[in-house]
Amino acid sequence: MKKDKADLTNKADKPSKLIIKTNFFEVIPQGTKIDFMGMAWYMIIITTALSVISLGLVFYLGFNWSIDFVGGLEMRVEFKNQAKNATIHDVRRAMTTLPADLPLTDVQVTNFIVQNKNVYSIKAKGEENVTRAGGDQALHDLSGKVFNYLAQKFGKENVEVISVDMVGPRVGASLRRQGIYSIFYSLLGILLYMGYRFNYRFSPGAVVCLMHDLAIVAGVYAVLRLEVDLTVIAAFLTIAGYDVNDTIVVFDRIREGRNQKYRTLPVREMVNRAINETLSRTVLTSGVTMLVVIALLFLGGQILFNFALAMTMGIVLGTYSSIFIASPLYVFLEELYVKRRKARGAKA
């Protein structure tokens, strides 16, 4: 019986296999000491410049709003049978010589990727087209006239309408306004939550971090003239939610270190250690999420492409900004708070 107890004691002293497996999945070794705060201010200068340039491009170029936000007509048309080999140039040429009963201007024809099918998207965006058509109700009649026109050009049996989207300008303007408000209110909510969850020295860094991420993504969409629709607005909101999650993990470790094992260290050293301790978790979480988003980007088709592209950029920027923007801003505010507290103490 004594021998059995001794064996159990020896077994308990040995490191468990679970710990070995856990260490195996740590992509960043324990004890890593990267001086993030030493590089932070150089990174902030670069990212501030990028953010300002991105916002300037957004205001100068504007967004390529989709029909969801500016109104108009969009048809997705499949060309088959004898017209299966019709090229985008053939369709564009046909849509530039419209008859008098089709009062559409600036008609856009783009590829719409559907496997093993020849499909094109025909768009007539903007309030002007709705007004010329005779109002919101007339859009319904226009879609039928566009089909009849294409049927005359390519043959009725060779043309099939897959889907039709019609949005009036009033509805589009309301959706655009609500989309902008939703982003603003989400940032305000995050600011209030972070202030409640931590304190006011943490929350500004989190919000500035999100504004930086959204500004750069928006700038890319403005420059590349990628269409901004409801799915892209949803991507912006998802980026805000996902990125603040990573920031909260870093902030929580900073707060834990400040209150416990690192409370005697200077603020910069404490924040460096907190970031290094969470670095493995950050890389793993962001990396696994990126696998899913990249799969959507390359395999999700045209409908999901804009959403997946925004998410891909947002995840990369969010991981970067939680380290090089949110954390340095906390250090700045914490050091400022300590200086003021010391100054008040000296006066007293």
Protein backbone atom coordinates (compact mmCIF):
# COMPACT_ATOMS: atom_id res chain seq x y z
CA MET A 1 0.00 0.00 0.00
CA LYS A 2 2.84 2.42 0.83
CA LYS A 3 4.51 1.59 -2.46
CA ASP A 4 1.33 2.47 -4.34
CA LYS A 5 1.13 5.85 -2.60
CA ALA A 6 4.77 6.56 -3.49
CA ASP A 7 4.08 5.72 -7.14
CA LEU A 8 1.13 8.08 -7.18
CA THR A 9 3.24 10.84 -5.65
CA ASN A 10 5.96 10.37 -8.27
CA LYS A 11 3.40 10.41 -11.07
CA ALA A 12 1.89 13.61 -9.73
CA ASP A 13 5.33 15.28 -9.76
CA LYS A 14 5.86 14.54 -13.46
CA PRO A 15 4.75 17.16 -16.00
CA SER A 16 1.49 16.19 -17.66
CA LYS A 17 1.20 15.50 -21.40
CA LEU A 18 -1.46 18.20 -21.62
CA ILE A 19 1.11 20.88 -20.79
CA ILE A 20 3.45 19.56 -23.49
CA LYS A 21 0.68 19.72 -26.07
CA THR A 22 -0.27 23.23 -25.03
CA ASN A 23 3.34 24.39 -25.46
CA PHE A 24 3.42 22.76 -28.88
CA PHE A 25 0.64 25.11 -30.07
CA GLU A 26 2.40 28.24 -28.86
CA VAL A 27 3.65 29.73 -32.12
CA ILE A 28 5.44 32.48 -30.18
CA PRO A 29 7.80 30.96 -27.54
CA GLN A 30 7.32 31.87 -23.91
CA GLY A 31 9.73 34.48 -22.67
CA THR A 32 9.75 36.44 -25.94
CA LYS A 33 10.74 40.04 -25.27
CA ILE A 34 10.00 42.18 -28.31
CA ASP A 35 10.24 45.91 -27.61
CA PHE A 36 6.92 46.94 -29.17
CA MET A 37 6.79 50.25 -27.34
CA GLY A 38 10.22 51.15 -28.72
CA MET A 39 8.84 50.87 -32.27
CA ALA A 40 5.38 52.22 -31.52
CA TRP A 41 5.88 55.92 -32.16
CA TYR A 42 7.48 55.31 -35.57
CA MET A 43 4.52 53.10 -36.48
CA ILE A 44 2.04 55.70 -35.24
CA ILE A 45 3.59 58.35 -37.52
CA ILE A 46 3.29 56.03 -40.52
CA THR A 47 -0.24 54.89 -39.75
CA THR A 48 -1.43 58.43 -38.97
CA ALA A 49 -0.18 59.51 -42.39
CA LEU A 50 -1.96 56.55 -44.03
CA SER A 51 -5.18 57.29 -42.17
CA VAL A 52 -5.16 60.98 -43.13
CA ILE A 53 -4.42 60.13 -46.78
CA SER A 54 -7.19 57.50 -46.79
CA LEU A 55 -9.76 59.91 -45.34
CA GLY A 56 -8.68 62.59 -47.82
CA LEU A 57 -9.21 60.16 -50.72
CA VAL A 58 -12.62 59.16 -49.37
CA PHE A 59 -13.78 62.80 -49.25
CA TYR A 60 -12.14 63.69 -52.57
CA LEU A 61 -13.11 60.64 -54.63
CA GLY A 62 -16.19 59.53 -52.74
CA PHE A 63 -17.49 55.98 -52.63
CA ASN A 64 -18.77 53.98 -55.54
CA TRP A 65 -22.14 53.44 -53.87
CA SER A 66 -24.22 50.50 -55.00
CA ILE A 67 -27.84 50.66 -56.06
CA ASP A 68 -28.75 49.90 -52.44
CA PHE A 69 -27.71 53.46 -51.55
CA VAL A 70 -28.28 55.59 -54.67
CA GLY A 71 -31.29 53.90 -56.25
CA GLY A 72 -31.66 52.53 -59.75
CA LEU A 73 -32.04 49.27 -61.60
CA GLU A 74 -29.77 46.21 -61.70
CA MET A 75 -30.40 43.09 -63.77
CA ARG A 76 -28.36 39.92 -63.91
CA VAL A 77 -28.81 38.37 -67.33
CA GLU A 78 -27.59 35.01 -68.61
CA PHE A 79 -26.71 34.59 -72.28
CA LYS A 80 -27.05 30.99 -73.40
CA ASN A 81 -27.61 28.74 -76.42
CA GLN A 82 -26.48 30.67 -79.52
CA ALA A 83 -25.53 33.73 -77.44
CA LYS A 84 -23.45 31.75 -74.94
CA ASN A 85 -20.26 33.20 -76.40
CA ALA A 86 -21.46 36.81 -76.19
CA THR A 87 -18.67 38.92 -74.70
CA ILE A 88 -18.92 41.83 -72.32
CA HIS A 89 -18.06 44.13 -75.22
CA ASP A 90 -21.07 42.81 -77.18
CA VAL A 91 -23.40 43.52 -74.27
CA ARG A 92 -21.91 46.97 -73.64
CA ARG A 93 -22.25 47.86 -77.31
CA ALA A 94 -25.89 46.83 -77.23
CA MET A 95 -26.58 48.92 -74.10
CA THR A 96 -25.04 52.09 -75.58
CA THR A 97 -27.65 52.35 -78.35
CA LEU A 98 -30.87 52.17 -76.34
CA PRO A 99 -34.25 53.01 -77.91
CA ALA A 100 -36.37 55.98 -76.78
CA ASP A 101 -38.53 53.83 -74.46
CA LEU A 102 -35.41 53.00 -72.37
CA PRO A 103 -34.38 56.38 -70.90
CA LEU A 104 -31.30 55.12 -69.02
CA THR A 105 -27.95 56.89 -68.74
CA ASP A 106 -24.48 55.71 -67.68
CA VAL A 107 -25.42 52.05 -67.97
CA GLN A 108 -22.70 49.80 -66.54
CA VAL A 109 -22.10 46.22 -67.69
CA THR A 110 -19.84 43.99 -65.59
CA ASN A 111 -19.04 40.31 -65.36
CA PHE A 112 -21.03 38.37 -62.81
CA ILE A 113 -19.20 35.17 -62.00
CA VAL A 114 -21.43 32.09 -62.04
CA GLN A 115 -19.75 28.74 -62.66
CA ASN A 116 -20.29 27.37 -66.19
CA LYS A 117 -22.62 30.25 -67.12
CA ASN A 118 -22.20 33.44 -69.14
CA VAL A 119 -23.82 36.04 -66.87
CA TYR A 120 -23.52 39.84 -66.90
CA SER A 121 -24.75 42.47 -64.48
CA ILE A 122 -26.46 45.46 -66.13
CA LYS A 123 -26.76 48.50 -63.84
CA ALA A 124 -28.35 51.90 -64.25
CA LYS A 125 -27.62 53.67 -60.96
CA GLY A 126 -28.64 57.04 -59.59
CA GLU A 127 -31.63 59.27 -59.00
CA GLU A 128 -31.44 60.63 -62.55
CA ASN A 129 -32.29 57.25 -64.04
CA VAL A 130 -35.25 56.81 -61.70
CA THR A 131 -36.53 60.31 -62.58
CA ARG A 132 -36.09 59.74 -66.31
CA ALA A 133 -37.88 56.42 -66.03
CA GLY A 134 -40.89 58.12 -64.47
CA GLY A 135 -40.49 57.31 -60.77
CA ASP A 136 -40.06 54.27 -58.57
CA GLN A 137 -42.99 52.34 -60.03
CA ALA A 138 -41.70 52.77 -63.59
CA LEU A 139 -38.54 50.81 -62.68
CA HIS A 140 -40.61 47.62 -62.71
CA ASP A 141 -41.70 48.33 -66.29
CA LEU A 142 -38.13 49.17 -67.31
CA SER A 143 -36.81 45.74 -66.40
CA GLY A 144 -39.29 44.15 -68.81
CA LYS A 145 -38.35 46.63 -71.54
CA VAL A 146 -34.64 45.89 -71.06
CA PHE A 147 -35.34 42.17 -71.41
CA ASN A 148 -37.38 42.70 -74.59
CA TYR A 149 -34.61 44.86 -76.02
CA LEU A 150 -31.93 42.24 -75.32
CA ALA A 151 -34.22 39.54 -76.70
CA GLN A 152 -34.46 41.47 -79.98
CA LYS A 153 -30.67 41.83 -80.10
CA PHE A 154 -29.64 38.28 -79.13
CA GLY A 155 -32.81 36.20 -79.54
CA LYS A 156 -35.52 35.57 -76.93
CA GLU A 157 -34.48 31.95 -76.38
CA ASN A 158 -30.87 33.05 -75.80
CA VAL A 159 -31.52 35.52 -72.98
CA GLU A 160 -32.70 34.77 -69.45
CA VAL A 161 -33.10 37.22 -66.58
CA ILE A 162 -31.68 35.68 -63.38
CA SER A 163 -32.55 38.47 -60.96
CA VAL A 164 -33.73 42.08 -60.86
CA ASP A 165 -33.02 44.63 -58.10
CA MET A 166 -34.85 47.95 -58.04
CA VAL A 167 -34.35 50.65 -55.39
CA GLY A 168 -35.88 54.14 -55.36
CA PRO A 169 -33.60 57.10 -54.57
CA ARG A 170 -35.43 57.93 -51.34
CA VAL A 171 -34.98 54.42 -50.01
CA GLY A 172 -31.32 54.44 -51.14
CA ALA A 173 -30.57 57.75 -49.41
CA SER A 174 -32.23 56.49 -46.22
CA LEU A 175 -30.18 53.28 -46.27
CA ARG A 176 -26.96 55.24 -46.86
CA ARG A 177 -27.71 57.53 -43.94
CA GLN A 178 -28.58 54.60 -41.67
CA GLY A 179 -25.39 52.77 -42.66
CA ILE A 180 -23.22 55.76 -41.69
CA TYR A 181 -25.15 56.20 -38.43
CA SER A 182 -24.71 52.53 -37.57
CA ILE A 183 -20.92 52.82 -37.85
CA PHE A 184 -20.89 56.02 -35.75
CA TYR A 185 -23.09 54.54 -33.04
CA SER A 186 -21.03 51.35 -32.91
CA LEU A 187 -17.86 53.39 -32.28
CA LEU A 188 -19.65 55.42 -29.60
CA GLY A 189 -20.91 52.24 -27.95
CA ILE A 190 -17.41 50.75 -27.94
CA LEU A 191 -16.03 53.95 -26.36
CA LEU A 192 -18.61 53.81 -23.55
CA TYR A 193 -18.17 50.07 -23.02
CA MET A 194 -14.38 50.29 -22.83
CA GLY A 195 -14.65 53.20 -20.40
CA TYR A 196 -16.99 51.13 -18.21
CA ARG A 197 -15.10 47.85 -18.59
CA PHE A 198 -11.66 49.36 -17.94
CA ASN A 199 -11.28 53.14 -17.49
CA TYR A 200 -11.05 56.31 -19.56
CA ARG A 201 -7.32 55.79 -20.16
CA PHE A 202 -8.05 52.59 -22.10
CA SER A 203 -11.12 53.55 -24.15
CA PRO A 204 -9.64 56.31 -26.42
CA GLY A 205 -6.97 53.91 -27.71
CA ALA A 206 -9.58 51.30 -28.64
CA VAL A 207 -11.73 53.78 -30.57
CA VAL A 208 -8.78 55.45 -32.36
CA CYS A 209 -7.59 51.96 -33.26
CA LEU A 210 -10.96 51.15 -34.89
CA MET A 211 -11.17 54.50 -36.67
CA HIS A 212 -7.70 53.87 -38.12
CA ASP A 213 -8.71 50.42 -39.39
CA LEU A 214 -11.98 51.61 -40.94
CA ALA A 215 -10.34 54.70 -42.49
CA ILE A 216 -7.70 52.67 -44.33
CA VAL A 217 -10.21 50.06 -45.56
CA ALA A 218 -12.53 52.85 -46.73
CA GLY A 219 -9.62 54.54 -48.52
CA VAL A 220 -8.80 51.35 -50.42
CA TYR A 221 -12.43 51.02 -51.54
CA ALA A 222 -12.49 54.66 -52.67
CA VAL A 223 -9.25 54.37 -54.68
CA LEU A 224 -10.07 51.05 -56.33
CA ARG A 225 -13.69 52.18 -56.98
CA LEU A 226 -14.99 48.99 -55.46
CA GLU A 227 -18.72 49.04 -54.98
CA VAL A 228 -19.93 49.77 -51.46
CA ASP A 229 -23.16 47.91 -50.77
CA LEU A 230 -24.96 46.61 -47.70
CA THR A 231 -22.54 43.69 -47.33
CA VAL A 232 -19.58 46.10 -47.18
CA ILE A 233 -21.29 48.15 -44.46
CA ALA A 234 -21.86 44.86 -42.63
CA ALA A 235 -18.13 44.12 -43.07
CA PHE A 236 -17.21 47.50 -41.55
CA LEU A 237 -19.37 46.75 -38.50
CA THR A 238 -17.90 43.25 -38.25
CA ILE A 239 -14.37 44.68 -38.40
CA ALA A 240 -15.21 47.02 -35.52
CA GLY A 241 -16.51 44.14 -33.41
CA TYR A 242 -13.69 41.74 -34.25
CA ASP A 243 -10.85 44.23 -33.82
CA VAL A 244 -12.03 45.48 -30.45
CA ASN A 245 -12.06 41.86 -29.26
CA ASP A 246 -8.30 41.55 -29.81
CA THR A 247 -7.73 44.95 -28.20
CA ILE A 248 -9.70 43.89 -25.13
CA VAL A 249 -7.53 40.78 -24.73
CA VAL A 250 -4.36 42.91 -24.73
CA PHE A 251 -5.90 45.50 -22.41
CA ASP A 252 -7.11 42.84 -20.00
CA ARG A 253 -3.58 41.43 -19.71
CA ILE A 254 -2.23 44.96 -19.19
CA ARG A 255 -4.73 45.60 -16.40
CA GLU A 256 -4.00 42.23 -14.82
CA GLY A 257 -0.24 42.93 -14.87
CA ARG A 258 -0.69 46.42 -13.48
CA ASN A 259 -2.73 45.13 -10.55
CA GLN A 260 -0.64 42.01 -9.84
CA LYS A 261 2.76 40.72 -10.97
CA TYR A 262 3.99 43.76 -12.95
CA ARG A 263 2.73 46.54 -10.70
CA THR A 264 6.30 47.58 -9.75
CA LEU A 265 7.46 47.91 -13.38
CA PRO A 266 7.37 51.10 -15.46
CA VAL A 267 4.28 51.44 -17.66
CA ARG A 268 6.13 50.83 -20.93
CA GLU A 269 7.82 47.65 -19.67
CA MET A 270 4.53 46.39 -18.25
CA VAL A 271 2.72 46.93 -21.56
CA ASN A 272 5.55 45.27 -23.50
CA ARG A 273 5.33 42.16 -21.33
CA ALA A 274 1.54 42.07 -21.60
CA ILE A 275 1.69 42.21 -25.42
CA ASN A 276 4.39 39.53 -25.60
CA GLU A 277 2.34 37.24 -23.36
CA THR A 278 -0.75 37.56 -25.58
CA LEU A 279 1.15 37.52 -28.88
CA SER A 280 0.82 33.76 -29.43
CA ARG A 281 -2.93 33.91 -28.81
CA THR A 282 -3.29 36.90 -31.14
CA VAL A 283 -1.40 35.24 -34.00
CA LEU A 284 -3.31 31.97 -33.66
CA THR A 285 -6.75 33.60 -33.45
CA SER A 286 -6.18 36.01 -36.31
CA GLY A 287 -4.49 33.32 -38.40
CA VAL A 288 -7.37 30.85 -38.09
CA THR A 289 -9.92 33.58 -38.86
CA MET A 290 -7.88 34.62 -41.89
CA LEU A 291 -8.08 31.08 -43.28
CA VAL A 292 -11.87 31.31 -43.36
CA VAL A 293 -11.94 34.84 -44.78
CA ILE A 294 -9.38 34.06 -47.49
CA ALA A 295 -11.47 31.03 -48.49
CA LEU A 296 -14.46 33.38 -48.89
CA LEU A 297 -12.30 35.84 -50.81
CA PHE A 298 -11.18 33.35 -53.47
CA LEU A 299 -14.04 30.83 -53.42
CA GLY A 300 -17.07 32.83 -52.30
CA GLY A 301 -17.84 34.28 -55.72
CA GLN A 302 -18.70 37.83 -56.76
CA ILE A 303 -21.42 38.38 -54.16
CA LEU A 304 -19.12 37.77 -51.18
CA PHE A 305 -15.91 39.21 -52.66
CA ASN A 306 -16.30 42.78 -51.37
CA PHE A 307 -17.28 41.56 -47.90
CA ALA A 308 -14.35 39.12 -47.73
CA LEU A 309 -11.84 41.72 -49.00
CA ALA A 310 -12.89 44.23 -46.34
CA MET A 311 -12.68 41.54 -43.64
CA THR A 312 -9.23 40.42 -44.79
CA MET A 313 -7.84 43.94 -44.57
CA GLY A 314 -9.69 44.55 -41.30
CA ILE A 315 -8.24 41.51 -39.54
CA VAL A 316 -4.66 42.39 -40.56
CA LEU A 317 -5.09 46.04 -39.57
CA GLY A 318 -6.87 45.13 -36.33
CA THR A 319 -4.07 42.84 -35.19
CA TYR A 320 -1.52 45.51 -36.03
CA SER A 321 -3.38 48.44 -34.47
CA SER A 322 -4.18 46.71 -31.17
CA ILE A 323 -0.41 46.47 -30.62
CA PHE A 324 0.95 49.63 -32.24
CA ILE A 325 -1.92 52.10 -31.76
CA ALA A 326 -4.22 51.15 -28.88
CA SER A 327 -1.43 50.10 -26.49
CA PRO A 328 0.86 53.13 -27.07
CA LEU A 329 -2.08 55.50 -26.59
CA TYR A 330 -2.81 53.82 -23.28
CA VAL A 331 0.86 54.27 -22.29
CA PHE A 332 0.70 57.96 -23.20
CA LEU A 333 -2.49 58.57 -21.20
CA GLU A 334 -1.26 56.52 -18.23
CA GLU A 335 2.04 58.39 -18.06
CA LEU A 336 0.20 61.70 -18.38
CA TYR A 337 -2.13 60.66 -15.54
CA VAL A 338 0.83 59.68 -13.32
CA LYS A 339 2.60 63.00 -13.99
CA ARG A 340 -0.50 65.00 -13.11
CA ARG A 341 -1.08 62.96 -9.97
CA LYS A 342 2.51 63.57 -8.86
CA ALA A 343 2.18 67.28 -9.65
CA ARG A 344 -0.97 67.52 -7.51
CA GLY A 345 0.78 65.64 -4.73
CA ALA A 346 3.75 68.00 -4.86
CA LYS A 347 1.48 71.04 -4.60
CA ALA A 348 -0.37 69.53 -1.65
